[in-house]
């Protein structure tokens, strides 16, 4: 009986081991990682409010205020597995927005640690919004 149970457990382990599990992405990235990813074409979404954008945004960032997320969600596209980086002033709103998007089924969303405050402190380029 013990041998049979052992063989059943062993067989179950073999079956489970044969199915690869995708590793969870970290919930956040550093500013340096975000800047490199942006340069490589990854999408950066600035969730600060419009009046905050007037002070400048990271070049190439899409502006989508957190307060308008529900109304403007289609602007993120329908591919919920597209990698998204979220940034705000510090990281509080981008962290909350990332959590909300994950709850809505987005699987590859991360927030940027330190936010635009850290971006500016490093002296990295910023641009004025185009509209």
Protein backbone atom coordinates (compact mmCIF):
# COMPACT_ATOMS: atom_id res chain seq x y z
CA UNK A 1 0.00 0.00 0.00
CA UNK A 2 2.79 2.42 0.87
CA UNK A 3 4.57 1.65 -2.38
CA UNK A 4 1.38 2.38 -4.35
CA UNK A 5 0.88 5.73 -2.57
CA UNK A 6 4.53 6.58 -3.17
CA UNK A 7 4.16 5.84 -6.89
CA UNK A 8 0.99 7.96 -7.12
CA UNK A 9 2.70 10.92 -5.44
CA UNK A 10 5.73 10.48 -7.69
CA UNK A 11 3.54 10.38 -10.81
CA UNK A 12 1.68 13.51 -9.72
CA UNK A 13 5.00 15.28 -9.18
CA UNK A 14 6.18 14.36 -12.66
CA UNK A 15 2.96 15.69 -14.19
CA UNK A 16 3.18 18.97 -12.26
CA UNK A 17 6.86 19.42 -13.05
CA UNK A 18 6.20 19.04 -16.77
CA UNK A 19 3.97 22.16 -16.82
CA UNK A 20 6.13 25.27 -16.73
CA UNK A 21 4.82 28.10 -14.60
CA UNK A 22 5.53 31.66 -15.72
CA UNK A 23 7.42 33.55 -13.07
CA UNK A 24 5.61 36.54 -11.62
CA UNK A 25 7.09 39.87 -12.62
CA UNK A 26 8.11 42.15 -9.81
CA UNK A 27 5.44 44.70 -8.97
CA UNK A 28 7.89 47.58 -9.43
CA UNK A 29 10.99 48.65 -11.35
CA UNK A 30 13.72 51.11 -10.44
CA UNK A 31 13.98 54.44 -12.20
CA UNK A 32 17.06 53.19 -14.04
CA UNK A 33 15.23 50.07 -15.22
CA UNK A 34 12.27 52.20 -16.31
CA UNK A 35 14.46 54.59 -18.29
CA UNK A 36 16.19 51.69 -20.06
CA UNK A 37 12.87 49.98 -20.78
CA UNK A 38 11.42 53.23 -22.16
CA UNK A 39 14.45 53.65 -24.43
CA UNK A 40 13.89 50.07 -25.64
CA UNK A 41 10.28 50.84 -26.56
CA UNK A 42 8.37 49.78 -23.46
CA UNK A 43 5.24 51.78 -22.74
CA UNK A 44 5.36 54.30 -19.87
CA UNK A 45 2.04 55.68 -18.61
CA UNK A 46 2.09 58.84 -16.46
CA UNK A 47 -0.90 58.69 -14.09
CA UNK A 48 -0.42 62.15 -12.57
CA UNK A 49 -3.17 64.73 -13.01
CA UNK A 50 -3.17 67.19 -15.94
CA UNK A 51 -1.98 70.14 -13.85
CA UNK A 52 1.04 68.08 -12.75
CA UNK A 53 1.87 67.22 -16.36
CA UNK A 54 2.33 70.94 -17.04
CA UNK A 55 5.62 70.74 -15.12
CA UNK A 56 6.96 68.23 -17.64
CA UNK A 57 6.73 64.55 -18.44
CA UNK A 58 9.22 61.84 -19.34
CA UNK A 59 9.83 61.88 -23.10
CA UNK A 60 7.53 59.38 -24.79
CA UNK A 61 5.25 58.87 -21.78
CA UNK A 62 1.54 58.46 -22.37
CA UNK A 63 -0.51 60.73 -20.09
CA UNK A 64 -3.50 59.06 -18.46
CA UNK A 65 -4.53 60.66 -15.13
CA UNK A 66 -5.49 58.17 -12.44
CA UNK A 67 -8.78 60.03 -11.89
CA UNK A 68 -9.73 59.35 -15.53
CA UNK A 69 -8.66 55.71 -15.68
CA UNK A 70 -12.17 54.24 -15.83
CA UNK A 71 -13.27 56.54 -18.67
CA UNK A 72 -10.03 56.26 -20.64
CA UNK A 73 -9.24 52.58 -20.07
CA UNK A 74 -9.62 51.78 -23.81
CA UNK A 75 -6.52 53.92 -24.44
CA UNK A 76 -4.46 51.18 -22.82
CA UNK A 77 -5.57 48.80 -25.57
CA UNK A 78 -7.17 45.40 -25.35
CA UNK A 79 -3.99 43.35 -24.87
CA UNK A 80 -3.95 42.81 -21.12
CA UNK A 81 -0.60 41.04 -21.36
CA UNK A 82 1.21 44.05 -22.86
CA UNK A 83 4.01 45.27 -20.58
CA UNK A 84 3.08 48.59 -18.94
CA UNK A 85 5.11 50.82 -16.66
CA UNK A 86 3.20 53.33 -14.54
CA UNK A 87 4.70 56.49 -13.08
CA UNK A 88 3.36 59.32 -10.90
CA UNK A 89 5.00 61.98 -8.70
CA UNK A 90 6.37 59.65 -6.02
CA UNK A 91 4.97 56.14 -6.59
CA UNK A 92 1.84 56.04 -4.45
CA UNK A 93 -0.72 56.58 -7.22
CA UNK A 94 1.16 54.47 -9.74
CA UNK A 95 1.34 51.61 -7.21
CA UNK A 96 -2.42 51.89 -6.54
CA UNK A 97 -3.20 52.08 -10.26
CA UNK A 98 -1.00 49.06 -10.99
CA UNK A 99 -2.85 47.10 -8.30
CA UNK A 100 -6.19 48.14 -9.78
CA UNK A 101 -5.14 47.14 -13.30
CA UNK A 102 -3.89 43.75 -12.09
CA UNK A 103 -7.29 43.21 -10.44
CA UNK A 104 -8.84 43.97 -13.86
CA UNK A 105 -6.75 41.26 -15.51
CA UNK A 106 -3.67 43.14 -16.70
CA UNK A 107 -0.80 40.74 -16.16
CA UNK A 108 2.37 42.73 -16.90
CA UNK A 109 1.95 46.07 -15.16
CA UNK A 110 4.58 47.58 -12.88
CA UNK A 111 5.04 50.91 -11.12
CA UNK A 112 8.22 52.99 -11.17
CA UNK A 113 9.89 53.37 -7.77
CA UNK A 114 10.58 57.01 -6.91
CA UNK A 115 8.35 58.42 -9.65
CA UNK A 116 8.86 61.69 -11.48
CA UNK A 117 10.31 63.25 -8.35
CA UNK A 118 13.23 60.83 -8.64
CA UNK A 119 13.38 61.31 -12.43
CA UNK A 120 13.79 65.07 -11.99
CA UNK A 121 16.31 64.66 -9.15
CA UNK A 122 18.53 62.69 -11.53
CA UNK A 123 18.39 65.52 -14.06
CA UNK A 124 16.94 63.27 -16.75
CA UNK A 125 15.23 64.84 -19.77
CA UNK A 126 11.65 65.99 -19.53
CA UNK A 127 9.36 67.51 -22.12
CA UNK A 128 6.30 69.71 -22.08
CA UNK A 129 3.00 68.01 -22.91
CA UNK A 130 2.06 68.47 -26.55
CA UNK A 131 -1.60 69.42 -26.06
